[in-house]
Amino acid sequence: SKDAVILATSENGAGGSVTVLGNRVGLLDNSVIDASGGTDGGTVNIGTDQNAATDITERIHVGHDAKILADAGSSGDGGTVSIAANNTQFLGTISAKGGSESGDGGSVKITGKQSLVFDGLVDTSVTNGAPGSLQLDSTDITIDDRSTDNWWPEEFLSGADSKGTVTVSALENISPSTDLSISAESSITLNDLSGNALNLSQQAGSKVSFTVAGSATANE
């Protein structure tokens, strides 16, 4: 939906829970889902994956200006955000920060079983606590410098082909206090990176892992 606003916030307690289901789900324009809390952040689930008991979500598009929030208050843990479909395009912003005084970072998982486009911002930063986490999951993952500026959500949600891409800039802009996990069932390909380098910003204490059941390839 365009410019939709869904609130499940709490000033004094933990954030609430938001679930968005459907065969094709679009968060377009300035849409906002906010499950932030005065203590812990809440939970946001968009779509379902192959392991779900309900019908699988076919396509999810989160646009450049859309935001999903599950931040903690002054003392609390960041919330949990899950986005899962057969084909997922994530271009927006997720914030699941730990408390401003204390608390751990939140947990974010973005799955595109058949294809995954990731060119957004994820912030699970902490002031005084354990790092949050971001997991990207697909069958095949290609990391390159490809721009997503000209991709049209209406065409994607209507069934147009989508080549999975995880952009270098999105990975390099992930908050430093975030554990990053990239996992693929078949392959991970690093494709013609500028300067032949991927400069992640993860700081000491944060973890980075690339896991593949098939093969990993670096193309010059």
N, C-alpha and C. Protein backbone atom coordinates (compact mmCIF):
# COMPACT_ATOMS: atom_id res chain seq x y z
N SER A 1 0.81 -1.19 0.00
CA SER A 1 0.00 0.00 0.00
C SER A 1 0.86 1.25 0.00
N LYS A 2 0.28 2.35 -0.50
CA LYS A 2 1.01 3.61 -0.58
C LYS A 2 0.73 4.46 0.65
N ASP A 3 1.82 4.98 1.25
CA ASP A 3 1.74 5.89 2.41
C ASP A 3 0.95 5.28 3.56
N ALA A 4 0.93 3.97 3.68
CA ALA A 4 0.24 3.33 4.80
C ALA A 4 1.04 3.54 6.09
N VAL A 5 0.33 3.67 7.21
CA VAL A 5 0.97 3.80 8.52
C VAL A 5 0.33 2.80 9.46
N ILE A 6 1.16 1.90 10.01
CA ILE A 6 0.70 0.90 10.97
C ILE A 6 1.50 1.11 12.25
N LEU A 7 0.82 1.38 13.35
CA LEU A 7 1.48 1.66 14.63
C LEU A 7 1.15 0.58 15.65
N ALA A 8 2.19 0.06 16.30
CA ALA A 8 2.03 -0.86 17.42
C ALA A 8 3.06 -0.48 18.48
N THR A 9 3.06 0.81 18.81
CA THR A 9 4.07 1.37 19.70
C THR A 9 3.59 1.42 21.15
N SER A 10 4.54 1.60 22.06
CA SER A 10 4.22 1.74 23.48
C SER A 10 5.22 2.70 24.10
N GLU A 11 4.72 3.68 24.85
CA GLU A 11 5.61 4.64 25.49
C GLU A 11 6.30 4.05 26.72
N ASN A 12 5.59 3.17 27.43
CA ASN A 12 6.11 2.68 28.71
C ASN A 12 6.46 1.19 28.72
N GLY A 13 5.97 0.43 27.75
CA GLY A 13 6.23 -1.00 27.71
C GLY A 13 6.91 -1.40 26.42
N ALA A 14 6.92 -2.69 26.15
CA ALA A 14 7.53 -3.20 24.92
C ALA A 14 6.65 -2.88 23.72
N GLY A 15 7.27 -2.77 22.57
CA GLY A 15 6.52 -2.57 21.34
C GLY A 15 5.64 -3.76 21.03
N GLY A 16 4.64 -3.56 20.23
CA GLY A 16 3.68 -4.61 19.91
C GLY A 16 4.15 -5.49 18.77
N SER A 17 3.19 -6.21 18.21
CA SER A 17 3.49 -7.16 17.13
C SER A 17 2.65 -6.82 15.90
N VAL A 18 3.29 -6.80 14.74
CA VAL A 18 2.61 -6.52 13.48
C VAL A 18 2.91 -7.65 12.50
N THR A 19 1.88 -8.21 11.90
CA THR A 19 2.04 -9.24 10.88
C THR A 19 1.30 -8.81 9.62
N VAL A 20 2.00 -8.83 8.50
CA VAL A 20 1.42 -8.46 7.22
C VAL A 20 1.54 -9.66 6.28
N LEU A 21 0.39 -10.19 5.85
CA LEU A 21 0.39 -11.38 5.01
C LEU A 21 -0.32 -11.11 3.69
N GLY A 22 -0.02 -11.92 2.72
CA GLY A 22 -0.66 -11.80 1.41
C GLY A 22 0.20 -12.48 0.37
N ASN A 23 -0.39 -12.77 -0.78
CA ASN A 23 0.38 -13.38 -1.84
C ASN A 23 1.43 -12.42 -2.40
N ARG A 24 1.04 -11.14 -2.50
CA ARG A 24 1.96 -10.10 -2.96
C ARG A 24 1.79 -8.89 -2.06
N VAL A 25 2.89 -8.44 -1.46
CA VAL A 25 2.85 -7.37 -0.47
C VAL A 25 3.77 -6.25 -0.92
N GLY A 26 3.26 -5.02 -0.94
CA GLY A 26 4.07 -3.86 -1.28
C GLY A 26 3.97 -2.78 -0.22
N LEU A 27 5.11 -2.34 0.29
CA LEU A 27 5.18 -1.15 1.14
C LEU A 27 5.77 -0.04 0.27
N LEU A 28 4.92 0.85 -0.21
CA LEU A 28 5.30 1.81 -1.23
C LEU A 28 5.33 3.23 -0.67
N ASP A 29 5.99 4.11 -1.42
CA ASP A 29 6.08 5.52 -1.08
C ASP A 29 6.55 5.70 0.35
N ASN A 30 5.81 6.42 1.18
CA ASN A 30 6.25 6.73 2.54
C ASN A 30 5.58 5.85 3.60
N SER A 31 5.32 4.60 3.26
CA SER A 31 4.69 3.69 4.21
C SER A 31 5.58 3.46 5.42
N VAL A 32 4.94 3.32 6.60
CA VAL A 32 5.66 3.12 7.86
C VAL A 32 4.98 2.02 8.67
N ILE A 33 5.78 1.08 9.17
CA ILE A 33 5.34 0.14 10.19
C ILE A 33 6.21 0.38 11.41
N ASP A 34 5.59 0.73 12.54
CA ASP A 34 6.35 1.10 13.74
C ASP A 34 5.90 0.25 14.92
N ALA A 35 6.83 -0.59 15.41
CA ALA A 35 6.57 -1.41 16.60
C ALA A 35 7.62 -1.11 17.67
N SER A 36 8.00 0.15 17.76
CA SER A 36 8.99 0.57 18.77
C SER A 36 8.35 0.60 20.15
N GLY A 37 9.20 0.46 21.18
CA GLY A 37 8.68 0.44 22.54
C GLY A 37 9.46 1.35 23.47
N GLY A 38 8.84 1.64 24.62
CA GLY A 38 9.53 2.41 25.65
C GLY A 38 10.58 1.56 26.34
N THR A 39 10.38 0.24 26.36
CA THR A 39 11.39 -0.69 26.86
C THR A 39 11.98 -1.43 25.66
N ASP A 40 11.52 -2.65 25.41
CA ASP A 40 12.02 -3.41 24.25
C ASP A 40 11.26 -3.04 22.98
N GLY A 41 11.95 -3.21 21.85
CA GLY A 41 11.27 -3.09 20.58
C GLY A 41 10.36 -4.28 20.34
N GLY A 42 9.40 -4.13 19.46
CA GLY A 42 8.43 -5.18 19.19
C GLY A 42 8.83 -6.09 18.05
N THR A 43 7.83 -6.67 17.40
CA THR A 43 8.05 -7.67 16.36
C THR A 43 7.27 -7.29 15.10
N VAL A 44 7.94 -7.37 13.96
CA VAL A 44 7.29 -7.13 12.66
C VAL A 44 7.58 -8.32 11.76
N ASN A 45 6.53 -8.97 11.29
CA ASN A 45 6.65 -10.08 10.35
C ASN A 45 5.90 -9.73 9.07
N ILE A 46 6.61 -9.76 7.96
CA ILE A 46 6.00 -9.49 6.66
C ILE A 46 6.21 -10.70 5.77
N GLY A 47 5.11 -11.34 5.36
CA GLY A 47 5.21 -12.48 4.48
C GLY A 47 5.55 -13.77 5.20
N THR A 48 5.62 -14.85 4.41
CA THR A 48 5.92 -16.17 4.94
C THR A 48 6.87 -16.88 3.99
N ASP A 49 7.68 -17.78 4.53
CA ASP A 49 8.65 -18.48 3.69
C ASP A 49 8.27 -19.94 3.51
N GLN A 50 9.18 -20.71 2.93
CA GLN A 50 8.92 -22.11 2.60
C GLN A 50 8.63 -22.96 3.84
N ASN A 51 9.10 -22.53 5.00
CA ASN A 51 8.91 -23.31 6.22
C ASN A 51 7.60 -22.99 6.94
N ALA A 52 6.84 -22.06 6.40
CA ALA A 52 5.62 -21.63 7.08
C ALA A 52 4.49 -22.64 6.87
N ALA A 53 3.59 -22.68 7.84
CA ALA A 53 2.45 -23.58 7.74
C ALA A 53 1.36 -23.00 6.84
N THR A 54 1.37 -21.68 6.68
CA THR A 54 0.37 -21.02 5.84
C THR A 54 0.88 -20.90 4.40
N ASP A 55 0.05 -20.33 3.53
CA ASP A 55 0.45 -20.16 2.13
C ASP A 55 1.69 -19.28 2.03
N ILE A 56 2.57 -19.63 1.11
CA ILE A 56 3.82 -18.90 0.93
C ILE A 56 3.54 -17.57 0.23
N THR A 57 4.16 -16.48 0.72
CA THR A 57 4.09 -15.20 0.04
C THR A 57 4.95 -15.25 -1.21
N GLU A 58 4.38 -14.85 -2.34
CA GLU A 58 5.12 -14.93 -3.60
C GLU A 58 6.08 -13.77 -3.77
N ARG A 59 5.62 -12.54 -3.51
CA ARG A 59 6.45 -11.36 -3.77
C ARG A 59 6.25 -10.30 -2.69
N ILE A 60 7.38 -9.70 -2.28
CA ILE A 60 7.36 -8.56 -1.37
C ILE A 60 8.25 -7.47 -1.94
N HIS A 61 7.73 -6.24 -1.98
CA HIS A 61 8.53 -5.09 -2.38
C HIS A 61 8.44 -4.04 -1.27
N VAL A 62 9.59 -3.64 -0.73
CA VAL A 62 9.67 -2.54 0.23
C VAL A 62 10.42 -1.41 -0.45
N GLY A 63 9.72 -0.30 -0.71
CA GLY A 63 10.27 0.78 -1.51
C GLY A 63 11.32 1.60 -0.80
N HIS A 64 12.00 2.46 -1.57
CA HIS A 64 13.11 3.27 -1.07
C HIS A 64 12.74 4.12 0.13
N ASP A 65 11.53 4.66 0.17
CA ASP A 65 11.14 5.59 1.23
C ASP A 65 10.33 4.93 2.35
N ALA A 66 10.11 3.64 2.27
CA ALA A 66 9.35 2.93 3.30
C ALA A 66 10.25 2.64 4.50
N LYS A 67 9.63 2.62 5.70
CA LYS A 67 10.39 2.41 6.93
C LYS A 67 9.70 1.37 7.81
N ILE A 68 10.53 0.51 8.41
CA ILE A 68 10.05 -0.47 9.39
C ILE A 68 10.86 -0.23 10.66
N LEU A 69 10.17 0.07 11.77
CA LEU A 69 10.83 0.46 13.02
C LEU A 69 10.46 -0.51 14.13
N ALA A 70 11.48 -0.94 14.88
CA ALA A 70 11.26 -1.79 16.06
C ALA A 70 12.33 -1.45 17.09
N ASP A 71 12.48 -0.16 17.37
CA ASP A 71 13.52 0.33 18.26
C ASP A 71 13.13 0.18 19.73
N ALA A 72 14.17 0.03 20.56
CA ALA A 72 13.96 0.04 22.01
C ALA A 72 13.95 1.47 22.53
N GLY A 73 13.51 1.64 23.78
CA GLY A 73 13.54 2.94 24.42
C GLY A 73 14.89 3.22 25.04
N SER A 74 14.91 3.78 26.25
CA SER A 74 16.19 4.11 26.87
C SER A 74 16.93 2.87 27.34
N SER A 75 16.21 1.88 27.86
CA SER A 75 16.84 0.65 28.35
C SER A 75 16.01 -0.53 27.87
N GLY A 76 16.51 -1.25 26.89
CA GLY A 76 15.77 -2.38 26.34
C GLY A 76 16.45 -2.89 25.09
N ASP A 77 16.00 -4.04 24.64
CA ASP A 77 16.58 -4.66 23.45
C ASP A 77 15.80 -4.24 22.20
N GLY A 78 16.51 -4.12 21.11
CA GLY A 78 15.86 -3.87 19.83
C GLY A 78 14.94 -5.02 19.47
N GLY A 79 13.98 -4.76 18.62
CA GLY A 79 12.98 -5.76 18.28
C GLY A 79 13.42 -6.71 17.18
N THR A 80 12.46 -7.44 16.64
CA THR A 80 12.69 -8.46 15.62
C THR A 80 11.90 -8.11 14.37
N VAL A 81 12.57 -8.15 13.22
CA VAL A 81 11.92 -7.88 11.94
C VAL A 81 12.23 -9.04 10.99
N SER A 82 11.19 -9.62 10.42
CA SER A 82 11.35 -10.71 9.46
C SER A 82 10.57 -10.39 8.19
N ILE A 83 11.24 -10.48 7.05
CA ILE A 83 10.61 -10.30 5.74
C ILE A 83 10.91 -11.54 4.93
N ALA A 84 9.88 -12.23 4.45
CA ALA A 84 10.12 -13.52 3.78
C ALA A 84 9.11 -13.76 2.67
N ALA A 85 9.63 -14.09 1.50
CA ALA A 85 8.80 -14.44 0.34
C ALA A 85 9.64 -15.25 -0.63
N ASN A 86 9.00 -15.78 -1.66
CA ASN A 86 9.77 -16.43 -2.72
C ASN A 86 10.66 -15.42 -3.44
N ASN A 87 10.12 -14.21 -3.68
CA ASN A 87 10.87 -13.15 -4.36
C ASN A 87 10.73 -11.87 -3.55
N THR A 88 11.85 -11.32 -3.11
CA THR A 88 11.83 -10.16 -2.23
C THR A 88 12.72 -9.06 -2.78
N GLN A 89 12.17 -7.84 -2.83
CA GLN A 89 12.95 -6.63 -3.11
C GLN A 89 12.88 -5.73 -1.89
N PHE A 90 14.02 -5.50 -1.25
CA PHE A 90 14.07 -4.61 -0.09
C PHE A 90 14.96 -3.43 -0.41
N LEU A 91 14.34 -2.24 -0.52
CA LEU A 91 15.06 -1.01 -0.85
C LEU A 91 14.90 0.04 0.24
N GLY A 92 14.17 -0.26 1.29
CA GLY A 92 13.81 0.73 2.29
C GLY A 92 14.74 0.76 3.49
N THR A 93 14.16 1.08 4.65
CA THR A 93 14.92 1.25 5.90
C THR A 93 14.31 0.39 7.00
N ILE A 94 15.18 -0.32 7.73
CA ILE A 94 14.78 -1.03 8.95
C ILE A 94 15.63 -0.52 10.09
N SER A 95 14.98 -0.17 11.20
CA SER A 95 15.69 0.24 12.40
C SER A 95 15.20 -0.60 13.57
N ALA A 96 16.13 -1.33 14.19
CA ALA A 96 15.82 -2.15 15.36
C ALA A 96 16.93 -1.96 16.38
N LYS A 97 17.10 -0.72 16.80
CA LYS A 97 18.22 -0.33 17.66
C LYS A 97 17.97 -0.71 19.12
N GLY A 98 19.09 -1.00 19.80
CA GLY A 98 19.02 -1.22 21.24
C GLY A 98 18.78 0.09 21.97
N GLY A 99 18.53 0.01 23.28
CA GLY A 99 18.22 1.19 24.07
C GLY A 99 19.31 2.26 24.03
N SER A 100 18.90 3.50 24.20
CA SER A 100 19.86 4.61 24.14
C SER A 100 20.84 4.59 25.30
N GLU A 101 20.46 3.91 26.41
CA GLU A 101 21.36 3.79 27.56
C GLU A 101 21.91 2.38 27.71
N SER A 102 21.07 1.37 27.51
CA SER A 102 21.53 -0.01 27.60
C SER A 102 20.55 -0.91 26.85
N GLY A 103 21.03 -2.10 26.48
CA GLY A 103 20.19 -3.04 25.75
C GLY A 103 20.86 -3.52 24.49
N ASP A 104 20.49 -4.72 24.06
CA ASP A 104 21.09 -5.33 22.87
C ASP A 104 20.40 -4.86 21.60
N GLY A 105 21.12 -4.98 20.49
CA GLY A 105 20.54 -4.66 19.20
C GLY A 105 19.51 -5.68 18.78
N GLY A 106 18.67 -5.32 17.84
CA GLY A 106 17.59 -6.18 17.39
C GLY A 106 18.05 -7.20 16.35
N SER A 107 17.09 -7.97 15.86
CA SER A 107 17.36 -9.04 14.92
C SER A 107 16.54 -8.82 13.65
N VAL A 108 17.22 -8.87 12.49
CA VAL A 108 16.56 -8.65 11.20
C VAL A 108 16.91 -9.81 10.26
N LYS A 109 15.89 -10.39 9.65
CA LYS A 109 16.12 -11.44 8.64
C LYS A 109 15.30 -11.11 7.40
N ILE A 110 15.97 -11.11 6.25
CA ILE A 110 15.32 -10.82 4.97
C ILE A 110 15.57 -12.00 4.04
N THR A 111 14.48 -12.63 3.61
CA THR A 111 14.58 -13.84 2.79
C THR A 111 13.88 -13.64 1.45
N GLY A 112 14.56 -14.01 0.38
CA GLY A 112 13.95 -14.14 -0.93
C GLY A 112 14.33 -15.52 -1.44
N LYS A 113 13.46 -16.47 -1.25
CA LYS A 113 13.82 -17.87 -1.50
C LYS A 113 14.34 -18.07 -2.91
N GLN A 114 13.66 -17.51 -3.90
CA GLN A 114 14.08 -17.66 -5.29
C GLN A 114 14.94 -16.50 -5.76
N SER A 115 14.62 -15.28 -5.33
CA SER A 115 15.44 -14.11 -5.68
C SER A 115 15.35 -13.08 -4.56
N LEU A 116 16.49 -12.46 -4.28
CA LEU A 116 16.58 -11.44 -3.23
C LEU A 116 17.31 -10.22 -3.77
N VAL A 117 16.63 -9.07 -3.68
CA VAL A 117 17.26 -7.79 -3.96
C VAL A 117 17.36 -7.05 -2.63
N PHE A 118 18.58 -6.65 -2.27
CA PHE A 118 18.81 -5.90 -1.03
C PHE A 118 19.61 -4.66 -1.36
N ASP A 119 18.95 -3.51 -1.25
CA ASP A 119 19.61 -2.23 -1.51
C ASP A 119 19.02 -1.18 -0.57
N GLY A 120 18.91 -1.55 0.69
CA GLY A 120 18.32 -0.66 1.69
C GLY A 120 19.27 -0.40 2.84
N LEU A 121 18.71 0.16 3.91
CA LEU A 121 19.48 0.49 5.11
C LEU A 121 18.95 -0.32 6.29
N VAL A 122 19.87 -0.92 7.05
CA VAL A 122 19.50 -1.66 8.26
C VAL A 122 20.36 -1.16 9.41
N ASP A 123 19.70 -0.78 10.52
CA ASP A 123 20.40 -0.25 11.69
C ASP A 123 19.95 -1.01 12.92
N THR A 124 20.84 -1.84 13.48
CA THR A 124 20.56 -2.52 14.75
C THR A 124 21.61 -2.10 15.77
N SER A 125 22.02 -0.85 15.71
CA SER A 125 23.12 -0.35 16.52
C SER A 125 22.78 -0.33 18.01
N VAL A 126 23.83 -0.30 18.81
CA VAL A 126 23.69 -0.29 20.27
C VAL A 126 24.62 0.76 20.86
N THR A 127 24.23 1.24 22.05
CA THR A 127 25.09 2.14 22.81
C THR A 127 25.89 1.36 23.85
N ASN A 128 25.21 0.45 24.53
CA ASN A 128 25.85 -0.34 25.58
C ASN A 128 25.17 -1.69 25.66
N GLY A 129 25.58 -2.60 24.76
CA GLY A 129 24.95 -3.91 24.72
C GLY A 129 25.54 -4.76 23.60
N ALA A 130 24.99 -5.95 23.42
CA ALA A 130 25.48 -6.86 22.38
C ALA A 130 25.00 -6.40 21.00
N PRO A 131 25.78 -6.66 19.96
CA PRO A 131 25.39 -6.24 18.61
C PRO A 131 24.07 -6.88 18.17
N GLY A 132 23.35 -6.17 17.33
CA GLY A 132 22.19 -6.75 16.68
C GLY A 132 22.64 -7.62 15.51
N SER A 133 21.68 -8.09 14.71
CA SER A 133 22.05 -8.99 13.62
C SER A 133 21.19 -8.74 12.38
N LEU A 134 21.81 -8.99 11.22
CA LEU A 134 21.12 -8.98 9.94
C LEU A 134 21.47 -10.25 9.20
N GLN A 135 20.45 -11.01 8.80
CA GLN A 135 20.66 -12.21 7.99
C GLN A 135 19.97 -12.04 6.65
N LEU A 136 20.73 -12.26 5.57
CA LEU A 136 20.20 -12.25 4.21
C LEU A 136 20.24 -13.68 3.70
N ASP A 137 19.12 -14.14 3.14
CA ASP A 137 18.99 -15.56 2.82
C ASP A 137 18.32 -15.74 1.46
N SER A 138 18.93 -16.55 0.58
CA SER A 138 18.34 -16.84 -0.72
C SER A 138 18.97 -18.12 -1.27
N THR A 139 18.51 -18.54 -2.43
CA THR A 139 19.12 -19.70 -3.10
C THR A 139 20.44 -19.31 -3.72
N ASP A 140 20.45 -18.23 -4.51
CA ASP A 140 21.67 -17.68 -5.12
C ASP A 140 21.75 -16.21 -4.77
N ILE A 141 22.93 -15.75 -4.37
CA ILE A 141 23.13 -14.35 -4.03
C ILE A 141 24.28 -13.80 -4.84
N THR A 142 24.02 -12.66 -5.51
CA THR A 142 25.06 -11.96 -6.26
C THR A 142 25.29 -10.60 -5.62
N ILE A 143 26.53 -10.31 -5.29
CA ILE A 143 26.91 -9.03 -4.69
C ILE A 143 27.63 -8.22 -5.75
N ASP A 144 27.07 -7.05 -6.10
CA ASP A 144 27.73 -6.21 -7.09
C ASP A 144 27.31 -4.76 -6.93
N ASP A 145 27.75 -3.92 -7.87
CA ASP A 145 27.51 -2.47 -7.80
C ASP A 145 26.28 -2.04 -8.56
N ARG A 146 25.44 -2.97 -8.93
CA ARG A 146 24.27 -2.66 -9.76
C ARG A 146 23.33 -1.68 -9.05
N SER A 147 22.84 -0.71 -9.79
CA SER A 147 21.89 0.26 -9.24
C SER A 147 20.47 -0.29 -9.31
N THR A 148 19.68 0.02 -8.30
CA THR A 148 18.27 -0.38 -8.29
C THR A 148 17.33 0.81 -8.49
N ASP A 149 17.87 1.96 -8.88
CA ASP A 149 17.06 3.18 -8.96
C ASP A 149 15.93 3.09 -9.98
N ASN A 150 16.12 2.31 -11.03
CA ASN A 150 15.13 2.27 -12.11
C ASN A 150 14.24 1.04 -12.07
N TRP A 151 14.16 0.36 -10.95
CA TRP A 151 13.30 -0.81 -10.83
C TRP A 151 11.91 -0.38 -10.38
N TRP A 152 10.89 -0.89 -11.08
CA TRP A 152 9.54 -0.43 -10.86
C TRP A 152 8.77 -1.45 -10.02
N PRO A 153 8.26 -1.04 -8.86
CA PRO A 153 7.58 -2.00 -7.99
C PRO A 153 6.33 -2.60 -8.60
N GLU A 154 5.59 -1.80 -9.39
CA GLU A 154 4.36 -2.32 -9.99
C GLU A 154 4.66 -3.49 -10.91
N GLU A 155 5.73 -3.38 -11.70
CA GLU A 155 6.10 -4.46 -12.60
C GLU A 155 6.53 -5.70 -11.83
N PHE A 156 7.33 -5.48 -10.77
CA PHE A 156 7.79 -6.61 -9.96
C PHE A 156 6.62 -7.31 -9.28
N LEU A 157 5.72 -6.55 -8.66
CA LEU A 157 4.60 -7.15 -7.96
C LEU A 157 3.63 -7.82 -8.92
N SER A 158 3.64 -7.39 -10.19
CA SER A 158 2.77 -8.00 -11.19
C SER A 158 3.35 -9.29 -11.77
N GLY A 159 4.60 -9.60 -11.41
CA GLY A 159 5.18 -10.87 -11.84
C GLY A 159 6.37 -10.77 -12.76
N ALA A 160 6.91 -9.56 -12.99
CA ALA A 160 8.08 -9.42 -13.86
C ALA A 160 9.28 -10.12 -13.24
N ASP A 161 10.16 -10.61 -14.10
CA ASP A 161 11.37 -11.28 -13.62
C ASP A 161 12.21 -10.33 -12.77
N SER A 162 12.86 -10.89 -11.75
CA SER A 162 13.71 -10.10 -10.88
C SER A 162 15.02 -10.83 -10.66
N LYS A 163 16.12 -10.24 -11.11
CA LYS A 163 17.42 -10.83 -10.88
C LYS A 163 17.91 -10.44 -9.49
N GLY A 164 18.19 -11.43 -8.67
CA GLY A 164 18.62 -11.14 -7.30
C GLY A 164 19.94 -10.41 -7.25
N THR A 165 19.99 -9.33 -6.47
CA THR A 165 21.20 -8.52 -6.33
C THR A 165 21.29 -7.98 -4.91
N VAL A 166 22.46 -8.12 -4.31
CA VAL A 166 22.76 -7.47 -3.04
C VAL A 166 23.83 -6.43 -3.36
N THR A 167 23.51 -5.15 -3.18
CA THR A 167 24.43 -4.11 -3.63
C THR A 167 25.56 -3.89 -2.63
N VAL A 168 26.71 -3.53 -3.18
CA VAL A 168 27.87 -3.23 -2.35
C VAL A 168 27.59 -2.09 -1.39
N SER A 169 26.96 -1.04 -1.87
CA SER A 169 26.72 0.13 -1.03
C SER A 169 25.82 -0.21 0.16
N ALA A 170 24.84 -1.07 -0.05
CA ALA A 170 23.96 -1.46 1.06
C ALA A 170 24.73 -2.22 2.13
N LEU A 171 25.59 -3.14 1.72
CA LEU A 171 26.38 -3.89 2.69
C LEU A 171 27.36 -2.99 3.43
N GLU A 172 27.97 -2.06 2.71
CA GLU A 172 28.97 -1.19 3.34
C GLU A 172 28.34 -0.17 4.27
N ASN A 173 27.03 0.06 4.15
CA ASN A 173 26.35 1.04 5.01
C ASN A 173 25.59 0.42 6.17
N ILE A 174 25.69 -0.89 6.35
CA ILE A 174 25.07 -1.52 7.51
C ILE A 174 25.74 -1.01 8.77
N SER A 175 24.96 -0.75 9.82
CA SER A 175 25.51 -0.19 11.05
C SER A 175 26.66 -1.04 11.57
N PRO A 176 27.75 -0.41 12.05
CA PRO A 176 28.95 -1.15 12.46
C PRO A 176 28.71 -2.17 13.57
N SER A 177 27.76 -1.90 14.47
CA SER A 177 27.51 -2.84 15.56
C SER A 177 26.37 -3.79 15.19
N THR A 178 26.51 -4.41 14.03
CA THR A 178 25.53 -5.38 13.54
C THR A 178 26.27 -6.62 13.05
N ASP A 179 25.90 -7.78 13.58
CA ASP A 179 26.42 -9.03 13.04
C ASP A 179 25.77 -9.27 11.68
N LEU A 180 26.58 -9.54 10.66
CA LEU A 180 26.09 -9.73 9.30
C LEU A 180 26.26 -11.18 8.87
N SER A 181 25.16 -11.80 8.42
CA SER A 181 25.20 -13.17 7.93
C SER A 181 24.56 -13.22 6.55
N ILE A 182 25.29 -13.73 5.58
CA ILE A 182 24.77 -13.92 4.23
C ILE A 182 24.82 -15.41 3.92
N SER A 183 23.66 -16.00 3.65
CA SER A 183 23.62 -17.45 3.44
C SER A 183 22.85 -17.76 2.16
N ALA A 184 23.35 -18.75 1.42
CA ALA A 184 22.73 -19.17 0.16
C ALA A 184 22.75 -20.68 0.07
N GLU A 185 21.70 -21.22 -0.52
CA GLU A 185 21.63 -22.66 -0.69
C GLU A 185 22.54 -23.15 -1.81
N SER A 186 22.69 -22.34 -2.87
CA SER A 186 23.43 -22.79 -4.04
C SER A 186 24.74 -22.04 -4.26
N SER A 187 24.70 -20.68 -4.30
CA SER A 187 25.93 -19.95 -4.63
C SER A 187 25.90 -18.53 -4.10
N ILE A 188 27.09 -18.01 -3.81
CA ILE A 188 27.31 -16.59 -3.54
C ILE A 188 28.36 -16.12 -4.53
N THR A 189 28.04 -15.05 -5.28
CA THR A 189 28.95 -14.53 -6.29
C THR A 189 29.27 -13.08 -6.00
N LEU A 190 30.57 -12.75 -5.92
CA LEU A 190 31.02 -11.36 -5.83
C LEU A 190 31.37 -10.94 -7.24
N ASN A 191 30.59 -10.00 -7.79
CA ASN A 191 30.63 -9.74 -9.22
C ASN A 191 31.22 -8.38 -9.55
N ASP A 192 32.47 -8.35 -10.03
CA ASP A 192 33.07 -7.15 -10.59
C ASP A 192 32.95 -5.95 -9.65
N LEU A 193 33.48 -6.09 -8.44
CA LEU A 193 33.41 -5.02 -7.45
C LEU A 193 34.38 -3.90 -7.82
N SER A 194 33.97 -2.65 -7.58
CA SER A 194 34.85 -1.51 -7.82
C SER A 194 36.08 -1.62 -6.92
N GLY A 195 37.25 -1.57 -7.52
CA GLY A 195 38.48 -1.69 -6.74
C GLY A 195 38.71 -3.09 -6.21
N ASN A 196 37.88 -4.05 -6.69
CA ASN A 196 37.99 -5.45 -6.24
C ASN A 196 37.97 -5.56 -4.72
N ALA A 197 37.11 -4.73 -4.08
CA ALA A 197 37.06 -4.73 -2.61
C ALA A 197 35.64 -4.54 -2.12
N LEU A 198 35.34 -5.19 -1.01
CA LEU A 198 34.09 -5.00 -0.28
C LEU A 198 34.47 -4.52 1.10
N ASN A 199 34.23 -3.23 1.37
CA ASN A 199 34.71 -2.59 2.59
C ASN A 199 33.59 -2.49 3.62
N LEU A 200 33.44 -3.55 4.40
CA LEU A 200 32.41 -3.57 5.44
C LEU A 200 32.85 -2.73 6.63
N SER A 201 31.86 -2.21 7.36
CA SER A 201 32.16 -1.28 8.46
C SER A 201 32.02 -1.93 9.82
N GLN A 202 31.84 -3.26 9.87
CA GLN A 202 31.64 -3.92 11.16
C GLN A 202 32.84 -3.69 12.08
N GLN A 203 32.52 -3.32 13.33
CA GLN A 203 33.56 -2.99 14.29
C GLN A 203 33.92 -4.22 15.12
N ALA A 204 34.94 -4.05 15.97
CA ALA A 204 35.37 -5.14 16.84
C ALA A 204 34.20 -5.61 17.70
N GLY A 205 34.02 -6.92 17.77
CA GLY A 205 32.91 -7.49 18.52
C GLY A 205 31.74 -7.88 17.65
N SER A 206 31.70 -7.38 16.41
CA SER A 206 30.66 -7.76 15.46
C SER A 206 31.18 -8.87 14.55
N LYS A 207 30.28 -9.74 14.10
CA LYS A 207 30.68 -10.89 13.31
C LYS A 207 30.16 -10.75 11.87
N VAL A 208 30.92 -11.33 10.93
CA VAL A 208 30.52 -11.38 9.52
C VAL A 208 30.69 -12.81 9.04
N SER A 209 29.64 -13.37 8.43
CA SER A 209 29.76 -14.73 7.91
C SER A 209 29.09 -14.85 6.55
N PHE A 210 29.74 -15.61 5.64
CA PHE A 210 29.20 -15.96 4.34
C PHE A 210 29.09 -17.49 4.32
N THR A 211 27.87 -18.00 4.17
CA THR A 211 27.67 -19.44 4.23
C THR A 211 26.95 -19.90 2.97
N VAL A 212 27.50 -20.91 2.30
CA VAL A 212 26.89 -21.42 1.08
C VAL A 212 27.04 -22.92 1.03
N ALA A 213 25.95 -23.58 0.64
CA ALA A 213 25.99 -25.05 0.51
C ALA A 213 26.61 -25.46 -0.80
N GLY A 214 26.57 -24.56 -1.81
CA GLY A 214 27.11 -24.88 -3.13
C GLY A 214 28.49 -24.31 -3.33
N SER A 215 28.57 -23.15 -4.02
CA SER A 215 29.88 -22.58 -4.36
C SER A 215 29.90 -21.09 -4.16
N ALA A 216 31.09 -20.56 -3.89
CA ALA A 216 31.31 -19.11 -3.80
C ALA A 216 32.26 -18.71 -4.90
N THR A 217 31.95 -17.61 -5.62
CA THR A 217 32.73 -17.20 -6.77
C THR A 217 33.02 -15.70 -6.70
N ALA A 218 34.26 -15.34 -7.06
CA ALA A 218 34.61 -13.92 -7.18
C ALA A 218 34.98 -13.65 -8.64
N ASN A 219 34.20 -12.77 -9.30
CA ASN A 219 34.44 -12.42 -10.69
C ASN A 219 35.13 -11.07 -10.77
N GLU A 220 36.22 -11.00 -11.50
CA GLU A 220 36.93 -9.72 -11.64
C GLU A 220 36.23 -8.84 -12.65
